[in-house]
């Protein structure tokens, strides 16, 4: 029985760690996308075809 509790504890801790990493990565990518989009909109008048 104790082995099952250890496995569940480790699994829960791992899932929390992965969730935090994914959250931070998602926020970072979102911020970078917003900054790049704003930069493109700011310089759209300089584009000539």
C-alpha atoms as a PDB file:
ATOM      1  CA  UNK A   1       0.000   0.000   0.000  1.00  0.00           C
ATOM      2  CA  UNK A   2       2.753   2.442   0.852  1.00  0.00           C
ATOM      3  CA  UNK A   3       4.337   2.041  -2.585  1.00  0.00           C
ATOM      4  CA  UNK A   4       1.084   3.120  -4.220  1.00  0.00           C
ATOM      5  CA  UNK A   5       0.970   6.255  -2.059  1.00  0.00           C
ATOM      6  CA  UNK A   6       4.568   7.115  -2.984  1.00  0.00           C
ATOM      7  CA  UNK A   7       3.824   6.691  -6.668  1.00  0.00           C
ATOM      8  CA  UNK A   8       0.715   8.881  -6.412  1.00  0.00           C
ATOM      9  CA  UNK A   9       2.648  11.572  -4.494  1.00  0.00           C
ATOM     10  CA  UNK A  10       5.466  11.621  -7.053  1.00  0.00           C
ATOM     11  CA  UNK A  11       2.991  11.682  -9.925  1.00  0.00           C
ATOM     12  CA  UNK A  12       1.092  14.589  -8.393  1.00  0.00           C
ATOM     13  CA  UNK A  13       4.269  16.566  -7.762  1.00  0.00           C
ATOM     14  CA  UNK A  14       5.444  15.914 -11.310  1.00  0.00           C
ATOM     15  CA  UNK A  15       2.140  17.049 -12.782  1.00  0.00           C
ATOM     16  CA  UNK A  16       2.241  20.276 -10.765  1.00  0.00           C
ATOM     17  CA  UNK A  17       5.808  20.975 -11.921  1.00  0.00           C
ATOM     18  CA  UNK A  18       4.931  20.325 -15.569  1.00  0.00           C
ATOM     19  CA  UNK A  19       1.859  22.553 -15.255  1.00  0.00           C
ATOM     20  CA  UNK A  20       3.913  25.439 -13.876  1.00  0.00           C
ATOM     21  CA  UNK A  21       6.511  25.066 -16.636  1.00  0.00           C
ATOM     22  CA  UNK A  22       3.806  25.028 -19.326  1.00  0.00           C
ATOM     23  CA  UNK A  23       2.095  28.056 -17.798  1.00  0.00           C
ATOM     24  CA  UNK A  24       5.303  30.098 -17.759  1.00  0.00           C
ATOM     25  CA  UNK A  25       6.184  29.015 -21.304  1.00  0.00           C
ATOM     26  CA  UNK A  26       2.717  29.906 -22.581  1.00  0.00           C
ATOM     27  CA  UNK A  27       2.765  33.358 -21.009  1.00  0.00           C
ATOM     28  CA  UNK A  28       6.253  34.033 -22.372  1.00  0.00           C
ATOM     29  CA  UNK A  29       5.325  32.991 -25.910  1.00  0.00           C
ATOM     30  CA  UNK A  30       2.152  35.092 -25.726  1.00  0.00           C
ATOM     31  CA  UNK A  31       4.051  38.194 -24.659  1.00  0.00           C
ATOM     32  CA  UNK A  32       6.648  37.715 -27.399  1.00  0.00           C
ATOM     33  CA  UNK A  33       3.865  37.314 -29.992  1.00  0.00           C
ATOM     34  CA  UNK A  34       2.155  40.514 -28.852  1.00  0.00           C
ATOM     35  CA  UNK A  35       5.429  42.459 -29.009  1.00  0.00           C
ATOM     36  CA  UNK A  36       6.242  41.146 -32.496  1.00  0.00           C
ATOM     37  CA  UNK A  37       2.723  41.923 -33.743  1.00  0.00           C
ATOM     38  CA  UNK A  38       2.873  45.452 -32.373  1.00  0.00           C
ATOM     39  CA  UNK A  39       6.246  45.972 -34.026  1.00  0.00           C
ATOM     40  CA  UNK A  40       4.890  44.790 -37.383  1.00  0.00           C
ATOM     41  CA  UNK A  41       1.892  47.096 -37.123  1.00  0.00           C
ATOM     42  CA  UNK A  42       4.105  50.016 -36.154  1.00  0.00           C
ATOM     43  CA  UNK A  43       6.372  49.576 -39.185  1.00  0.00           C
ATOM     44  CA  UNK A  44       3.750  48.609 -41.776  1.00  0.00           C
ATOM     45  CA  UNK A  45       4.083  51.971 -43.554  1.00  0.00           C
ATOM     46  CA  UNK A  46       7.759  51.260 -44.306  1.00  0.00           C
ATOM     47  CA  UNK A  47       6.910  48.205 -46.434  1.00  0.00           C
ATOM     48  CA  UNK A  48       7.065  48.731 -50.173  1.00  0.00           C
ATOM     49  CA  UNK A  49       6.217  46.184 -52.832  1.00  0.00           C
END
